[in-house]
N, C-alpha and C. Protein backbone atom coordinates (compact mmCIF):
# COMPACT_ATOMS: atom_id res chain seq x y z
N UNK A 1 0.91 -1.18 0.15
CA UNK A 1 -0.05 -0.12 0.18
C UNK A 1 0.75 1.04 0.02
N UNK A 2 0.19 2.31 -0.77
CA UNK A 2 1.35 3.59 -0.82
C UNK A 2 1.05 4.46 0.22
N UNK A 3 1.81 5.10 0.75
CA UNK A 3 1.62 6.10 1.83
C UNK A 3 1.10 7.09 1.14
N UNK A 4 0.25 7.98 1.79
CA UNK A 4 -0.67 9.31 1.51
C UNK A 4 0.33 9.93 0.60
N UNK A 5 1.56 10.58 0.78
CA UNK A 5 2.34 11.18 -0.15
C UNK A 5 2.89 10.73 -1.25
N UNK A 6 3.05 9.37 -1.27
CA UNK A 6 3.29 8.67 -2.30
C UNK A 6 2.14 8.57 -3.29
N UNK A 7 1.27 8.34 -2.60
CA UNK A 7 -0.18 8.51 -3.73
C UNK A 7 -0.53 9.56 -4.50
N UNK A 8 -0.20 10.66 -3.60
CA UNK A 8 -0.10 12.00 -4.33
C UNK A 8 0.83 12.16 -5.32
N UNK A 9 1.96 11.95 -4.84
CA UNK A 9 3.13 12.16 -5.99
C UNK A 9 2.96 11.24 -7.24
N UNK A 10 2.52 9.97 -7.11
CA UNK A 10 2.18 9.03 -8.15
C UNK A 10 0.75 9.89 -9.12
N UNK A 11 -0.07 10.09 -8.14
CA UNK A 11 -1.16 10.72 -9.10
C UNK A 11 -0.87 12.19 -9.66
N UNK A 12 0.07 12.76 -9.64
CA UNK A 12 0.44 13.92 -9.85
C UNK A 12 1.48 13.60 -11.24
N UNK A 13 1.97 12.86 -10.98
CA UNK A 13 2.95 12.01 -12.29
C UNK A 13 2.11 11.70 -13.38
N UNK A 14 1.37 10.99 -13.11
CA UNK A 14 0.25 10.03 -13.92
C UNK A 14 -0.30 11.74 -14.69
N UNK A 15 -0.96 12.49 -13.92
CA UNK A 15 -1.65 13.43 -14.38
C UNK A 15 -0.74 14.38 -15.51
N UNK A 16 0.54 14.75 -15.08
CA UNK A 16 1.13 15.16 -15.78
C UNK A 16 1.73 14.52 -17.11
N UNK A 17 1.95 13.30 -16.97
CA UNK A 17 2.22 12.30 -18.19
C UNK A 17 0.88 12.41 -19.06
N UNK A 18 0.01 12.41 -18.46
CA UNK A 18 -1.42 12.50 -19.40
C UNK A 18 -1.49 13.86 -20.18
N UNK A 19 -1.31 14.64 -19.34
CA UNK A 19 -1.35 16.00 -20.11
C UNK A 19 -0.05 16.31 -20.97
N UNK A 20 0.93 15.80 -21.01
CA UNK A 20 2.00 15.89 -21.83
C UNK A 20 1.78 15.00 -23.09
N UNK A 21 1.16 13.83 -22.94
CA UNK A 21 0.87 12.80 -24.18
C UNK A 21 -0.64 13.22 -24.72
N UNK A 22 -1.29 13.94 -24.14
CA UNK A 22 -2.66 13.95 -24.56
C UNK A 22 -3.36 12.84 -24.25
N UNK A 23 -3.44 12.37 -23.34
CA UNK A 23 -4.13 11.15 -22.65
C UNK A 23 -4.85 11.36 -21.60
N UNK A 24 -5.67 10.31 -21.39
CA UNK A 24 -6.31 10.07 -20.25
C UNK A 24 -5.61 9.82 -18.76
N UNK A 25 -5.85 10.23 -17.67
CA UNK A 25 -4.76 9.39 -16.61
C UNK A 25 -5.07 8.00 -16.52
N UNK A 26 -6.31 7.78 -16.72
CA UNK A 26 -6.54 6.18 -16.36
C UNK A 26 -5.69 5.60 -17.21
N UNK A 27 -5.70 5.95 -18.76
CA UNK A 27 -4.95 5.53 -19.82
C UNK A 27 -3.26 5.31 -19.63
N UNK A 28 -2.81 6.23 -18.95
CA UNK A 28 -1.38 6.38 -18.25
C UNK A 28 -1.37 5.17 -17.13
N UNK A 29 -2.27 5.15 -16.11
CA UNK A 29 -2.27 4.33 -15.34
C UNK A 29 -2.16 2.88 -15.40
N UNK A 30 -2.94 2.68 -16.80
CA UNK A 30 -3.47 0.96 -17.13
C UNK A 30 -1.93 0.51 -17.92
N UNK A 31 -1.28 1.80 -18.54
CA UNK A 31 0.13 1.48 -19.34
C UNK A 31 1.07 1.22 -18.23
N UNK A 32 1.01 1.82 -17.17
CA UNK A 32 2.18 1.87 -16.27
C UNK A 32 1.99 0.40 -15.31
N UNK A 33 0.51 0.24 -15.12
CA UNK A 33 0.48 -1.13 -14.21
C UNK A 33 0.61 -2.35 -15.15
N UNK A 34 0.45 -2.16 -16.62
CA UNK A 34 0.59 -3.37 -17.42
C UNK A 34 1.99 -3.37 -17.63
N UNK A 35 2.96 -2.52 -17.53
CA UNK A 35 4.25 -2.36 -17.75
C UNK A 35 5.23 -2.74 -16.62
N UNK A 36 4.48 -2.69 -15.60
CA UNK A 36 5.21 -3.62 -14.20
C UNK A 36 4.80 -4.81 -14.14
N UNK A 37 3.44 -5.17 -14.28
CA UNK A 37 3.04 -6.40 -14.09
C UNK A 37 3.62 -7.61 -15.23
N UNK A 38 4.28 -6.91 -16.17
CA UNK A 38 4.40 -7.90 -17.53
C UNK A 38 5.98 -7.90 -17.36
N UNK A 39 6.50 -7.26 -16.67
CA UNK A 39 8.09 -7.34 -16.57
C UNK A 39 8.97 -6.14 -17.17
N UNK A 40 7.94 -5.55 -18.13
CA UNK A 40 8.68 -4.70 -19.32
C UNK A 40 9.44 -3.45 -18.58
N UNK A 41 8.85 -3.16 -17.77
CA UNK A 41 9.57 -2.14 -16.72
C UNK A 41 10.69 -2.57 -15.69
N UNK A 42 11.53 -1.65 -15.80
CA UNK A 42 12.90 -1.93 -14.96
C UNK A 42 12.74 -1.93 -13.29
N UNK A 43 13.13 -2.74 -12.69
CA UNK A 43 13.04 -2.74 -11.22
C UNK A 43 14.13 -2.96 -10.55
N UNK A 44 14.41 -1.62 -10.47
CA UNK A 44 15.62 -1.08 -9.67
C UNK A 44 15.53 -1.96 -8.26
N UNK A 45 14.61 -2.33 -7.71
CA UNK A 45 14.53 -2.76 -6.31
C UNK A 45 15.01 -4.24 -6.35
N UNK A 46 14.97 -5.06 -7.80
CA UNK A 46 14.81 -6.58 -8.06
C UNK A 46 16.34 -6.90 -7.16
N UNK A 47 17.61 -6.19 -6.89
CA UNK A 47 18.70 -6.87 -6.52
C UNK A 47 18.66 -6.45 -4.96
N UNK A 48 17.71 -5.99 -4.60
CA UNK A 48 17.46 -6.27 -3.01
C UNK A 48 16.73 -7.16 -2.30
N UNK A 49 16.07 -8.19 -3.55
CA UNK A 49 15.31 -9.15 -2.95
C UNK A 49 16.01 -10.36 -2.43
N UNK A 50 15.95 -10.93 -1.48
CA UNK A 50 16.33 -12.20 -0.87
C UNK A 50 17.16 -13.28 -1.85
N UNK A 51 18.31 -13.45 -1.62
CA UNK A 51 18.31 -14.39 -2.62
C UNK A 51 18.53 -15.63 -1.91
N UNK A 52 17.70 -16.87 -2.73
CA UNK A 52 17.38 -18.22 -2.25
C UNK A 52 18.69 -19.13 -2.40
C-alpha cells in the first residue's frame, strides 16, 4: 500500500504524463500497471530481494 504522500506524488506524475501525451490519466495508469506486471519495466529494487 502506498503512503498518502506517495499516492499524491504518483497521481500528480500520472496527471502530468497524461497532459503531456494528450491522454487520459486512467490510460497512463493502465499502461504503467501493464508495464510493471508484464516485467517490461525496469525493477531497480530487484537486486534487493533475498537470494535463495
